[in-house]
Amino acid sequence: MWHFTKHCLERMIERGYAKDEVLCVLNGDVPSFVYPSPKEESVDMFFGRVGEKFMMIPVDRSSQAIITVRPMRKGEKENYLREVKNG
């Protein structure tokens, strides 16, 4: 069961994301990809798109805490679109 950190909830409000959009990515309801964080061993980074919103969501897999949500960067978005296209 995912839970939102206080920091995550604050960033979501600032960036215009809704809880259901974030959960769509994390639960695999939309095409998404998961990569381990290069900096934190217990963190996974989810990349997904809901409507026109491309987002990156780092989560702590051990506690299932959603750390934050941010828009994908240009290179991340390009990689995401390429991977979705290639299946």
PDB file of N, CA and C in Angstrom:
ATOM      1  N   MET A   1       0.851  -1.192   0.000  1.00  0.00           N
ATOM      2  CA  MET A   1       0.000   0.000   0.000  1.00  0.00           C
ATOM      3  C   MET A   1       0.890   1.245   0.000  1.00  0.00           C
ATOM      4  N   TRP A   2       0.771   2.029  -1.022  1.00  0.00           N
ATOM      5  CA  TRP A   2       1.567   3.252  -1.126  1.00  0.00           C
ATOM      6  C   TRP A   2       1.081   4.301  -0.129  1.00  0.00           C
ATOM      7  N   HIS A   3       2.019   5.094   0.394  1.00  0.00           N
ATOM      8  CA  HIS A   3       1.620   6.252   1.194  1.00  0.00           C
ATOM      9  C   HIS A   3       2.437   7.466   0.759  1.00  0.00           C
ATOM     10  N   PHE A   4       1.779   8.602   0.803  1.00  0.00           N
ATOM     11  CA  PHE A   4       2.353   9.862   0.343  1.00  0.00           C
ATOM     12  C   PHE A   4       3.056  10.562   1.506  1.00  0.00           C
ATOM     13  N   THR A   5       4.302  10.952   1.303  1.00  0.00           N
ATOM     14  CA  THR A   5       4.999  11.735   2.328  1.00  0.00           C
ATOM     15  C   THR A   5       4.459  13.163   2.312  1.00  0.00           C
ATOM     16  N   LYS A   6       4.708  13.876   3.379  1.00  0.00           N
ATOM     17  CA  LYS A   6       4.290  15.280   3.457  1.00  0.00           C
ATOM     18  C   LYS A   6       4.946  16.076   2.318  1.00  0.00           C
ATOM     19  N   HIS A   7       6.227  15.823   2.100  1.00  0.00           N
ATOM     20  CA  HIS A   7       6.939  16.507   1.023  1.00  0.00           C
ATOM     21  C   HIS A   7       6.268  16.236  -0.322  1.00  0.00           C
ATOM     22  N   CYS A   8       5.918  14.995  -0.570  1.00  0.00           N
ATOM     23  CA  CYS A   8       5.264  14.622  -1.826  1.00  0.00           C
ATOM     24  C   CYS A   8       3.952  15.378  -2.004  1.00  0.00           C
ATOM     25  N   LEU A   9       3.138  15.405  -0.977  1.00  0.00           N
ATOM     26  CA  LEU A   9       1.846  16.086  -1.062  1.00  0.00           C
ATOM     27  C   LEU A   9       2.021  17.574  -1.365  1.00  0.00           C
ATOM     28  N   GLU A  10       3.027  18.190  -0.755  1.00  0.00           N
ATOM     29  CA  GLU A  10       3.302  19.605  -1.017  1.00  0.00           C
ATOM     30  C   GLU A  10       3.714  19.823  -2.470  1.00  0.00           C
ATOM     31  N   ARG A  11       4.602  18.964  -2.986  1.00  0.00           N
ATOM     32  CA  ARG A  11       5.060  19.097  -4.378  1.00  0.00           C
ATOM     33  C   ARG A  11       3.923  18.835  -5.361  1.00  0.00           C
ATOM     34  N   MET A  12       3.047  17.892  -5.023  1.00  0.00           N
ATOM     35  CA  MET A  12       1.917  17.594  -5.901  1.00  0.00           C
ATOM     36  C   MET A  12       1.019  18.815  -6.062  1.00  0.00           C
ATOM     37  N   ILE A  13       0.751  19.498  -4.976  1.00  0.00           N
ATOM     38  CA  ILE A  13      -0.067  20.708  -5.035  1.00  0.00           C
ATOM     39  C   ILE A  13       0.621  21.760  -5.893  1.00  0.00           C
ATOM     40  N   GLU A  14       1.912  21.991  -5.652  1.00  0.00           N
ATOM     41  CA  GLU A  14       2.673  22.988  -6.415  1.00  0.00           C
ATOM     42  C   GLU A  14       2.693  22.674  -7.909  1.00  0.00           C
ATOM     43  N   ARG A  15       2.768  21.388  -8.250  1.00  0.00           N
ATOM     44  CA  ARG A  15       2.979  20.974  -9.638  1.00  0.00           C
ATOM     45  C   ARG A  15       1.711  20.509 -10.343  1.00  0.00           C
ATOM     46  N   GLY A  16       0.600  20.532  -9.650  1.00  0.00           N
ATOM     47  CA  GLY A  16      -0.680  20.216 -10.273  1.00  0.00           C
ATOM     48  C   GLY A  16      -0.949  18.749 -10.537  1.00  0.00           C
ATOM     49  N   TYR A  17      -0.443  17.869  -9.670  1.00  0.00           N
ATOM     50  CA  TYR A  17      -0.708  16.440  -9.795  1.00  0.00           C
ATOM     51  C   TYR A  17      -1.762  16.019  -8.783  1.00  0.00           C
ATOM     52  N   ALA A  18      -2.567  15.044  -9.172  1.00  0.00           N
ATOM     53  CA  ALA A  18      -3.584  14.486  -8.281  1.00  0.00           C
ATOM     54  C   ALA A  18      -3.138  13.107  -7.802  1.00  0.00           C
ATOM     55  N   LYS A  19      -3.615  12.707  -6.636  1.00  0.00           N
ATOM     56  CA  LYS A  19      -3.253  11.395  -6.086  1.00  0.00           C
ATOM     57  C   LYS A  19      -3.593  10.273  -7.052  1.00  0.00           C
ATOM     58  N   ASP A  20      -4.768  10.338  -7.680  1.00  0.00           N
ATOM     59  CA  ASP A  20      -5.166   9.253  -8.578  1.00  0.00           C
ATOM     60  C   ASP A  20      -4.247   9.166  -9.795  1.00  0.00           C
ATOM     61  N   GLU A  21      -3.704  10.282 -10.265  1.00  0.00           N
ATOM     62  CA  GLU A  21      -2.757  10.257 -11.386  1.00  0.00           C
ATOM     63  C   GLU A  21      -1.469   9.541 -10.981  1.00  0.00           C
ATOM     64  N   VAL A  22      -0.974   9.872  -9.816  1.00  0.00           N
ATOM     65  CA  VAL A  22       0.252   9.253  -9.317  1.00  0.00           C
ATOM     66  C   VAL A  22       0.045   7.751  -9.125  1.00  0.00           C
ATOM     67  N   LEU A  23      -1.074   7.381  -8.541  1.00  0.00           N
ATOM     68  CA  LEU A  23      -1.351   5.970  -8.302  1.00  0.00           C
ATOM     69  C   LEU A  23      -1.550   5.190  -9.603  1.00  0.00           C
ATOM     70  N   CYS A  24      -2.048   5.840 -10.646  1.00  0.00           N
ATOM     71  CA  CYS A  24      -2.166   5.178 -11.962  1.00  0.00           C
ATOM     72  C   CYS A  24      -0.796   4.728 -12.455  1.00  0.00           C
ATOM     73  N   VAL A  25       0.202   5.573 -12.265  1.00  0.00           N
ATOM     74  CA  VAL A  25       1.565   5.221 -12.688  1.00  0.00           C
ATOM     75  C   VAL A  25       2.111   4.103 -11.799  1.00  0.00           C
ATOM     76  N   LEU A  26       2.007   4.269 -10.493  1.00  0.00           N
ATOM     77  CA  LEU A  26       2.584   3.299  -9.559  1.00  0.00           C
ATOM     78  C   LEU A  26       1.915   1.929  -9.628  1.00  0.00           C
ATOM     79  N   ASN A  27       0.637   1.907  -9.930  1.00  0.00           N
ATOM     80  CA  ASN A  27      -0.096   0.643  -9.984  1.00  0.00           C
ATOM     81  C   ASN A  27      -0.089   0.004 -11.368  1.00  0.00           C
ATOM     82  N   GLY A  28       0.573   0.658 -12.328  1.00  0.00           N
ATOM     83  CA  GLY A  28       0.685   0.086 -13.666  1.00  0.00           C
ATOM     84  C   GLY A  28      -0.566   0.211 -14.513  1.00  0.00           C
ATOM     85  N   ASP A  29      -1.441   1.151 -14.191  1.00  0.00           N
ATOM     86  CA  ASP A  29      -2.658   1.359 -14.973  1.00  0.00           C
ATOM     87  C   ASP A  29      -2.381   2.062 -16.300  1.00  0.00           C
ATOM     88  N   VAL A  30      -1.215   2.664 -16.425  1.00  0.00           N
ATOM     89  CA  VAL A  30      -0.752   3.306 -17.660  1.00  0.00           C
ATOM     90  C   VAL A  30       0.644   2.767 -17.940  1.00  0.00           C
ATOM     91  N   PRO A  31       1.111   2.860 -19.194  1.00  0.00           N
ATOM     92  CA  PRO A  31       2.478   2.399 -19.460  1.00  0.00           C
ATOM     93  C   PRO A  31       3.473   3.133 -18.563  1.00  0.00           C
ATOM     94  N   SER A  32       4.266   2.364 -17.841  1.00  0.00           N
ATOM     95  CA  SER A  32       5.255   2.970 -16.952  1.00  0.00           C
ATOM     96  C   SER A  32       6.491   2.081 -16.899  1.00  0.00           C
ATOM     97  N   PHE A  33       7.589   2.675 -16.493  1.00  0.00           N
ATOM     98  CA  PHE A  33       8.859   1.986 -16.378  1.00  0.00           C
ATOM     99  C   PHE A  33       9.439   2.279 -15.022  1.00  0.00           C
ATOM    100  N   VAL A  34      10.150   1.295 -14.478  1.00  0.00           N
ATOM    101  CA  VAL A  34      10.754   1.438 -13.157  1.00  0.00           C
ATOM    102  C   VAL A  34      12.243   1.168 -13.276  1.00  0.00           C
ATOM    103  N   TYR A  35      13.040   2.076 -12.721  1.00  0.00           N
ATOM    104  CA  TYR A  35      14.487   1.927 -12.715  1.00  0.00           C
ATOM    105  C   TYR A  35      14.987   2.133 -11.292  1.00  0.00           C
ATOM    106  N   PRO A  36      16.005   1.408 -10.888  1.00  0.00           N
ATOM    107  CA  PRO A  36      16.587   1.663  -9.564  1.00  0.00           C
ATOM    108  C   PRO A  36      17.316   3.000  -9.564  1.00  0.00           C
ATOM    109  N   SER A  37      17.254   3.675  -8.455  1.00  0.00           N
ATOM    110  CA  SER A  37      17.952   4.952  -8.323  1.00  0.00           C
ATOM    111  C   SER A  37      19.457   4.717  -8.328  1.00  0.00           C
ATOM    112  N   PRO A  38      20.196   5.551  -9.061  1.00  0.00           N
ATOM    113  CA  PRO A  38      21.646   5.413  -9.040  1.00  0.00           C
ATOM    114  C   PRO A  38      22.271   5.939  -7.739  1.00  0.00           C
ATOM    115  N   LYS A  39      21.473   6.652  -6.923  1.00  0.00           N
ATOM    116  CA  LYS A  39      22.003   7.274  -5.716  1.00  0.00           C
ATOM    117  C   LYS A  39      21.585   6.573  -4.428  1.00  0.00           C
ATOM    118  N   GLU A  40      20.374   6.045  -4.408  1.00  0.00           N
ATOM    119  CA  GLU A  40      19.837   5.445  -3.190  1.00  0.00           C
ATOM    120  C   GLU A  40      19.438   3.999  -3.459  1.00  0.00           C
ATOM    121  N   GLU A  41      20.029   3.075  -2.725  1.00  0.00           N
ATOM    122  CA  GLU A  41      19.805   1.653  -2.958  1.00  0.00           C
ATOM    123  C   GLU A  41      18.342   1.232  -2.781  1.00  0.00           C
ATOM    124  N   SER A  42      17.623   1.847  -1.855  1.00  0.00           N
ATOM    125  CA  SER A  42      16.250   1.428  -1.576  1.00  0.00           C
ATOM    126  C   SER A  42      15.196   2.193  -2.380  1.00  0.00           C
ATOM    127  N   VAL A  43      15.646   3.052  -3.304  1.00  0.00           N
ATOM    128  CA  VAL A  43      14.715   3.902  -4.059  1.00  0.00           C
ATOM    129  C   VAL A  43      14.588   3.414  -5.500  1.00  0.00           C
ATOM    130  N   ASP A  44      13.331   3.343  -5.952  1.00  0.00           N
ATOM    131  CA  ASP A  44      13.027   3.077  -7.354  1.00  0.00           C
ATOM    132  C   ASP A  44      12.417   4.335  -7.951  1.00  0.00           C
ATOM    133  N   MET A  45      12.649   4.540  -9.233  1.00  0.00           N
ATOM    134  CA  MET A  45      12.116   5.697  -9.936  1.00  0.00           C
ATOM    135  C   MET A  45      11.108   5.211 -10.975  1.00  0.00           C
ATOM    136  N   PHE A  46       9.873   5.627 -10.826  1.00  0.00           N
ATOM    137  CA  PHE A  46       8.811   5.284 -11.760  1.00  0.00           C
ATOM    138  C   PHE A  46       8.655   6.415 -12.768  1.00  0.00           C
ATOM    139  N   PHE A  47       8.579   6.059 -14.030  1.00  0.00           N
ATOM    140  CA  PHE A  47       8.350   7.020 -15.099  1.00  0.00           C
ATOM    141  C   PHE A  47       7.042   6.644 -15.776  1.00  0.00           C
ATOM    142  N   GLY A  48       6.109   7.593 -15.883  1.00  0.00           N
ATOM    143  CA  GLY A  48       4.833   7.294 -16.504  1.00  0.00           C
ATOM    144  C   GLY A  48       4.142   8.548 -16.995  1.00  0.00           C
ATOM    145  N   ARG A  49       3.083   8.307 -17.754  1.00  0.00           N
ATOM    146  CA  ARG A  49       2.324   9.407 -18.349  1.00  0.00           C
ATOM    147  C   ARG A  49       0.842   9.175 -18.097  1.00  0.00           C
ATOM    148  N   VAL A  50       0.184  10.215 -17.603  1.00  0.00           N
ATOM    149  CA  VAL A  50      -1.259  10.207 -17.432  1.00  0.00           C
ATOM    150  C   VAL A  50      -1.782  11.416 -18.192  1.00  0.00           C
ATOM    151  N   GLY A  51      -2.536  11.156 -19.250  1.00  0.00           N
ATOM    152  CA  GLY A  51      -2.980  12.258 -20.113  1.00  0.00           C
ATOM    153  C   GLY A  51      -1.770  12.932 -20.722  1.00  0.00           C
ATOM    154  N   GLU A  52      -1.648  14.212 -20.526  1.00  0.00           N
ATOM    155  CA  GLU A  52      -0.497  14.973 -21.038  1.00  0.00           C
ATOM    156  C   GLU A  52       0.568  15.187 -19.974  1.00  0.00           C
ATOM    157  N   LYS A  53       0.429  14.571 -18.825  1.00  0.00           N
ATOM    158  CA  LYS A  53       1.373  14.753 -17.722  1.00  0.00           C
ATOM    159  C   LYS A  53       2.387  13.612 -17.703  1.00  0.00           C
ATOM    160  N   PHE A  54       3.638  13.961 -17.980  1.00  0.00           N
ATOM    161  CA  PHE A  54       4.750  13.014 -17.912  1.00  0.00           C
ATOM    162  C   PHE A  54       5.397  13.208 -16.552  1.00  0.00           C
ATOM    163  N   MET A  55       5.471  12.147 -15.762  1.00  0.00           N
ATOM    164  CA  MET A  55       5.988  12.326 -14.409  1.00  0.00           C
ATOM    165  C   MET A  55       7.015  11.282 -14.008  1.00  0.00           C
ATOM    166  N   MET A  56       7.885  11.696 -13.111  1.00  0.00           N
ATOM    167  CA  MET A  56       8.861  10.807 -12.490  1.00  0.00           C
ATOM    168  C   MET A  56       8.526  10.783 -11.005  1.00  0.00           C
ATOM    169  N   ILE A  57       8.422   9.572 -10.484  1.00  0.00           N
ATOM    170  CA  ILE A  57       7.999   9.395  -9.099  1.00  0.00           C
ATOM    171  C   ILE A  57       9.006   8.499  -8.377  1.00  0.00           C
ATOM    172  N   PRO A  58       9.868   9.081  -7.539  1.00  0.00           N
ATOM    173  CA  PRO A  58      10.765   8.240  -6.740  1.00  0.00           C
ATOM    174  C   PRO A  58      10.027   7.707  -5.511  1.00  0.00           C
ATOM    175  N   VAL A  59      10.211   6.412  -5.257  1.00  0.00           N
ATOM    176  CA  VAL A  59       9.566   5.781  -4.101  1.00  0.00           C
ATOM    177  C   VAL A  59      10.591   4.969  -3.323  1.00  0.00           C
ATOM    178  N   ASP A  60      10.389   4.880  -2.032  1.00  0.00           N
ATOM    179  CA  ASP A  60      11.205   4.003  -1.193  1.00  0.00           C
ATOM    180  C   ASP A  60      10.500   2.653  -1.181  1.00  0.00           C
ATOM    181  N   ARG A  61      11.106   1.657  -1.821  1.00  0.00           N
ATOM    182  CA  ARG A  61      10.417   0.363  -1.985  1.00  0.00           C
ATOM    183  C   ARG A  61      10.208  -0.361  -0.661  1.00  0.00           C
ATOM    184  N   SER A  62      11.103  -0.170   0.311  1.00  0.00           N
ATOM    185  CA  SER A  62      10.963  -0.896   1.575  1.00  0.00           C
ATOM    186  C   SER A  62       9.790  -0.383   2.412  1.00  0.00           C
ATOM    187  N   SER A  63       9.566   0.915   2.405  1.00  0.00           N
ATOM    188  CA  SER A  63       8.464   1.476   3.194  1.00  0.00           C
ATOM    189  C   SER A  63       7.250   1.826   2.333  1.00  0.00           C
ATOM    190  N   GLN A  64       7.384   1.691   1.015  1.00  0.00           N
ATOM    191  CA  GLN A  64       6.354   2.059   0.041  1.00  0.00           C
ATOM    192  C   GLN A  64       5.929   3.512   0.183  1.00  0.00           C
ATOM    193  N   ALA A  65       6.909   4.357   0.504  1.00  0.00           N
ATOM    194  CA  ALA A  65       6.662   5.785   0.624  1.00  0.00           C
ATOM    195  C   ALA A  65       6.921   6.466  -0.714  1.00  0.00           C
ATOM    196  N   ILE A  66       5.980   7.301  -1.133  1.00  0.00           N
ATOM    197  CA  ILE A  66       6.145   8.105  -2.343  1.00  0.00           C
ATOM    198  C   ILE A  66       6.885   9.357  -1.908  1.00  0.00           C
ATOM    199  N   ILE A  67       8.103   9.515  -2.400  1.00  0.00           N
ATOM    200  CA  ILE A  67       8.983  10.583  -1.928  1.00  0.00           C
ATOM    201  C   ILE A  67       8.591  11.933  -2.502  1.00  0.00           C
ATOM    202  N   THR A  68       8.377  11.992  -3.810  1.00  0.00           N
ATOM    203  CA  THR A  68       7.976  13.228  -4.472  1.00  0.00           C
ATOM    204  C   THR A  68       7.450  12.884  -5.852  1.00  0.00           C
ATOM    205  N   VAL A  69       7.003  13.894  -6.564  1.00  0.00           N
ATOM    206  CA  VAL A  69       6.565  13.758  -7.952  1.00  0.00           C
ATOM    207  C   VAL A  69       7.042  14.993  -8.693  1.00  0.00           C
ATOM    208  N   ARG A  70       7.623  14.763  -9.865  1.00  0.00           N
ATOM    209  CA  ARG A  70       8.066  15.903 -10.656  1.00  0.00           C
ATOM    210  C   ARG A  70       7.859  15.584 -12.126  1.00  0.00           C
ATOM    211  N   PRO A  71       7.824  16.638 -12.963  1.00  0.00           N
ATOM    212  CA  PRO A  71       7.734  16.390 -14.406  1.00  0.00           C
ATOM    213  C   PRO A  71       9.005  15.703 -14.892  1.00  0.00           C
ATOM    214  N   MET A  72       8.864  14.872 -15.918  1.00  0.00           N
ATOM    215  CA  MET A  72      10.053  14.274 -16.523  1.00  0.00           C
ATOM    216  C   MET A  72      10.881  15.372 -17.177  1.00  0.00           C
ATOM    217  N   ARG A  73      12.168  15.198 -17.121  1.00  0.00           N
ATOM    218  CA  ARG A  73      13.073  16.093 -17.838  1.00  0.00           C
ATOM    219  C   ARG A  73      13.046  15.727 -19.320  1.00  0.00           C
ATOM    220  N   LYS A  74      13.571  16.599 -20.149  1.00  0.00           N
ATOM    221  CA  LYS A  74      13.517  16.403 -21.598  1.00  0.00           C
ATOM    222  C   LYS A  74      14.060  15.034 -22.019  1.00  0.00           C
ATOM    223  N   GLY A  75      15.239  14.672 -21.575  1.00  0.00           N
ATOM    224  CA  GLY A  75      15.837  13.395 -21.937  1.00  0.00           C
ATOM    225  C   GLY A  75      15.051  12.211 -21.409  1.00  0.00           C
ATOM    226  N   GLU A  76      14.502  12.344 -20.210  1.00  0.00           N
ATOM    227  CA  GLU A  76      13.682  11.285 -19.627  1.00  0.00           C
ATOM    228  C   GLU A  76      12.419  11.068 -20.453  1.00  0.00           C
ATOM    229  N   LYS A  77      11.811  12.179 -20.871  1.00  0.00           N
ATOM    230  CA  LYS A  77      10.599  12.104 -21.682  1.00  0.00           C
ATOM    231  C   LYS A  77      10.887  11.433 -23.025  1.00  0.00           C
ATOM    232  N   GLU A  78      12.002  11.794 -23.646  1.00  0.00           N
ATOM    233  CA  GLU A  78      12.387  11.177 -24.921  1.00  0.00           C
ATOM    234  C   GLU A  78      12.597   9.676 -24.757  1.00  0.00           C
ATOM    235  N   ASN A  79      13.295   9.274 -23.703  1.00  0.00           N
ATOM    236  CA  ASN A  79      13.515   7.845 -23.435  1.00  0.00           C
ATOM    237  C   ASN A  79      12.197   7.125 -23.175  1.00  0.00           C
ATOM    238  N   TYR A  80      11.319   7.743 -22.407  1.00  0.00           N
ATOM    239  CA  TYR A  80      10.025   7.151 -22.098  1.00  0.00           C
ATOM    240  C   TYR A  80       9.237   6.912 -23.384  1.00  0.00           C
ATOM    241  N   LEU A  81       9.135   7.943 -24.226  1.00  0.00           N
ATOM    242  CA  LEU A  81       8.373   7.813 -25.468  1.00  0.00           C
ATOM    243  C   LEU A  81       8.968   6.767 -26.388  1.00  0.00           C
ATOM    244  N   ARG A  82      10.287   6.683 -26.433  1.00  0.00           N
ATOM    245  CA  ARG A  82      10.951   5.679 -27.255  1.00  0.00           C
ATOM    246  C   ARG A  82      10.643   4.263 -26.740  1.00  0.00           C
ATOM    247  N   GLU A  83      10.684   4.078 -25.434  1.00  0.00           N
ATOM    248  CA  GLU A  83      10.414   2.763 -24.856  1.00  0.00           C
ATOM    249  C   GLU A  83       8.953   2.338 -25.034  1.00  0.00           C
ATOM    250  N   VAL A  84       8.031   3.295 -24.888  1.00  0.00           N
ATOM    251  CA  VAL A  84       6.621   2.980 -25.088  1.00  0.00           C
ATOM    252  C   VAL A  84       6.379   2.585 -26.540  1.00  0.00           C
ATOM    253  N   LYS A  85       7.006   3.320 -27.449  1.00  0.00           N
ATOM    254  CA  LYS A  85       6.844   3.026 -28.879  1.00  0.00           C
ATOM    255  C   LYS A  85       7.397   1.641 -29.231  1.00  0.00           C
ATOM    256  N   ASN A  86       8.514   1.275 -28.620  1.00  0.00           N
ATOM    257  CA  ASN A  86       9.164  -0.014 -28.907  1.00  0.00           C
ATOM    258  C   ASN A  86       8.546  -1.174 -28.136  1.00  0.00           C
ATOM    259  N   GLY A  87       7.610  -0.852 -27.269  1.00  0.00           N
ATOM    260  CA  GLY A  87       6.930  -1.915 -26.520  1.00  0.00           C
ATOM    261  C   GLY A  87       7.724  -2.424 -25.404  1.00  0.00           C
TER     262      GLY A  87
END
